[in-house]
C-alpha atoms as a PDB file:
ATOM      1  CA  MET A   1     -87.201  95.255-110.638  1.00  0.00           C
ATOM      2  CA  HIS A   2     -84.964  93.641-113.262  1.00  0.00           C
ATOM      3  CA  CYS A   3     -86.556  90.963-115.433  1.00  0.00           C
ATOM      4  CA  LEU A   4     -84.406  88.458-117.307  1.00  0.00           C
ATOM      5  CA  ASN A   5     -85.443  87.974-120.916  1.00  0.00           C
ATOM      6  CA  PRO A   6     -85.931  84.187-121.339  1.00  0.00           C
ATOM      7  CA  GLU A   7     -84.941  84.309-125.032  1.00  0.00           C
ATOM      8  CA  ILE A   8     -81.580  85.941-124.229  1.00  0.00           C
ATOM      9  CA  PHE A   9     -81.015  83.530-121.343  1.00  0.00           C
ATOM     10  CA  THR A  10     -81.749  80.492-123.574  1.00  0.00           C
ATOM     11  CA  TYR A  11     -79.518  81.825-126.367  1.00  0.00           C
ATOM     12  CA  ASN A  12     -76.597  82.384-123.983  1.00  0.00           C
ATOM     13  CA  LEU A  13     -77.033  78.931-122.431  1.00  0.00           C
ATOM     14  CA  ILE A  14     -77.062  77.195-125.835  1.00  0.00           C
ATOM     15  CA  LYS A  15     -74.098  79.291-127.036  1.00  0.00           C
ATOM     16  CA  LYS A  16     -72.094  78.308-123.941  1.00  0.00           C
ATOM     17  CA  GLN A  17     -72.890  74.610-124.413  1.00  0.00           C
ATOM     18  CA  ILE A  18     -72.043  74.632-128.128  1.00  0.00           C
ATOM     19  CA  MET A  19     -68.732  76.374-127.483  1.00  0.00           C
ATOM     20  CA  SER A  20     -67.802  73.691-124.930  1.00  0.00           C
ATOM     21  CA  PHE A  21     -68.341  70.676-127.197  1.00  0.00           C
ATOM     22  CA  LYS A  22     -65.703  67.965-127.429  1.00  0.00           C
ATOM     23  CA  THR A  23     -64.768  65.875-130.469  1.00  0.00           C
ATOM     24  CA  LEU A  24     -64.299  62.165-129.794  1.00  0.00           C
ATOM     25  CA  GLY A  25     -63.695  59.079-131.913  1.00  0.00           C
ATOM     26  CA  CYS A  26     -65.890  55.996-132.236  1.00  0.00           C
ATOM     27  CA  LEU A  27     -64.276  53.048-130.462  1.00  0.00           C
ATOM     28  CA  LYS A  28     -65.356  50.690-133.256  1.00  0.00           C
ATOM     29  CA  CYS A  29     -64.681  52.535-136.545  1.00  0.00           C
ATOM     30  CA  GLY A  30     -62.736  55.640-135.470  1.00  0.00           C
ATOM     31  CA  SER A  31     -65.152  58.167-137.007  1.00  0.00           C
ATOM     32  CA  SER A  32     -65.216  61.449-135.116  1.00  0.00           C
ATOM     33  CA  TYR A  33     -68.316  62.874-133.481  1.00  0.00           C
ATOM     34  CA  ASP A  34     -69.105  65.863-131.283  1.00  0.00           C
ATOM     35  CA  VAL A  35     -70.560  65.681-127.790  1.00  0.00           C
ATOM     36  CA  ILE A  36     -71.658  68.362-125.367  1.00  0.00           C
ATOM     37  CA  PRO A  37     -70.943  67.940-121.644  1.00  0.00           C
ATOM     38  CA  PRO A  38     -74.046  67.154-119.580  1.00  0.00           C
ATOM     39  CA  ASP A  39     -73.499  70.273-117.455  1.00  0.00           C
ATOM     40  CA  GLY A  40     -70.854  72.751-116.357  1.00  0.00           C
ATOM     41  CA  VAL A  41     -69.411  70.422-113.702  1.00  0.00           C
ATOM     42  CA  TYR A  42     -68.740  67.167-115.559  1.00  0.00           C
ATOM     43  CA  THR A  43     -66.676  68.368-118.503  1.00  0.00           C
ATOM     44  CA  GLU A  44     -63.883  65.805-119.013  1.00  0.00           C
ATOM     45  CA  PRO A  45     -64.914  62.940-121.327  1.00  0.00           C
ATOM     46  CA  ARG A  46     -63.355  59.475-121.112  1.00  0.00           C
ATOM     47  CA  SER A  47     -64.104  56.275-123.003  1.00  0.00           C
ATOM     48  CA  LYS A  48     -63.207  54.036-120.045  1.00  0.00           C
ATOM     49  CA  LEU A  49     -64.077  54.179-116.370  1.00  0.00           C
ATOM     50  CA  ASP A  50     -61.384  55.242-113.950  1.00  0.00           C
ATOM     51  CA  ASP A  51     -60.247  52.676-111.421  1.00  0.00           C
ATOM     52  CA  PRO A  52     -61.856  53.199-108.954  1.00  0.00           C
ATOM     53  CA  PRO A  53     -64.712  54.737-110.973  1.00  0.00           C
ATOM     54  CA  GLY A  54     -65.418  57.713-108.689  1.00  0.00           C
ATOM     55  CA  ASP A  55     -68.030  60.338-109.486  1.00  0.00           C
ATOM     56  CA  PHE A  56     -69.104  60.494-113.147  1.00  0.00           C
ATOM     57  CA  VAL A  57     -72.059  60.948-115.496  1.00  0.00           C
ATOM     58  CA  GLU A  58     -72.599  58.264-118.149  1.00  0.00           C
ATOM     59  CA  MET A  59     -73.799  59.177-121.635  1.00  0.00           C
ATOM     60  CA  LYS A  60     -74.445  57.065-124.754  1.00  0.00           C
ATOM     61  CA  LYS A  61     -73.730  58.352-128.257  1.00  0.00           C
ATOM     62  CA  GLU A  62     -74.522  56.389-131.414  1.00  0.00           C
ATOM     63  CA  CYS A  63     -71.945  56.616-134.196  1.00  0.00           C
ATOM     64  CA  ILE A  64     -73.478  57.936-137.402  1.00  0.00           C
ATOM     65  CA  SER A  65     -71.130  55.823-139.536  1.00  0.00           C
ATOM     66  CA  CYS A  66     -71.309  52.342-137.972  1.00  0.00           C
ATOM     67  CA  LYS A  67     -74.206  52.693-135.466  1.00  0.00           C
ATOM     68  CA  ASN A  68     -71.988  51.570-132.576  1.00  0.00           C
ATOM     69  CA  LYS A  69     -73.289  52.819-129.231  1.00  0.00           C
ATOM     70  CA  ASN A  70     -70.301  54.529-127.599  1.00  0.00           C
ATOM     71  CA  THR A  71     -70.337  55.086-123.846  1.00  0.00           C
ATOM     72  CA  ILE A  72     -68.837  58.340-122.602  1.00  0.00           C
ATOM     73  CA  TYR A  73     -67.979  58.836-118.938  1.00  0.00           C
ATOM     74  CA  TRP A  74     -67.944  62.507-117.949  1.00  0.00           C
ATOM     75  CA  TYR A  75     -65.765  63.404-114.979  1.00  0.00           C
ATOM     76  CA  LYS A  76     -65.121  66.597-113.063  1.00  0.00           C
ATOM     77  CA  PRO A  77     -61.804  68.146-114.116  1.00  0.00           C
ATOM     78  CA  GLU A  78     -59.009  67.604-111.632  1.00  0.00           C
ATOM     79  CA  ILE A  79     -57.914  70.672-109.734  1.00  0.00           C
ATOM     80  CA  LYS A  80     -54.229  71.272-110.368  1.00  0.00           C
ATOM     81  CA  GLN A  81     -52.287  72.623-107.450  1.00  0.00           C
END
């Protein structure tokens, strides 16, 4: 029976998330900040909702510089055919 080491699993999960971070800009002051997608499905960040909004995950991120609360809408990437 194979047993998964939880420490290795956690390390690999964190490493994958860190490597998939995105750099965005504050809508108020323009300072850049890093965000990590909420999961492996919703990986495309947008600062405005699509019209129509569709399926998304909403996340708030406070700007370190000006304290503005930025809203990030995470969408599934579009499949290109």
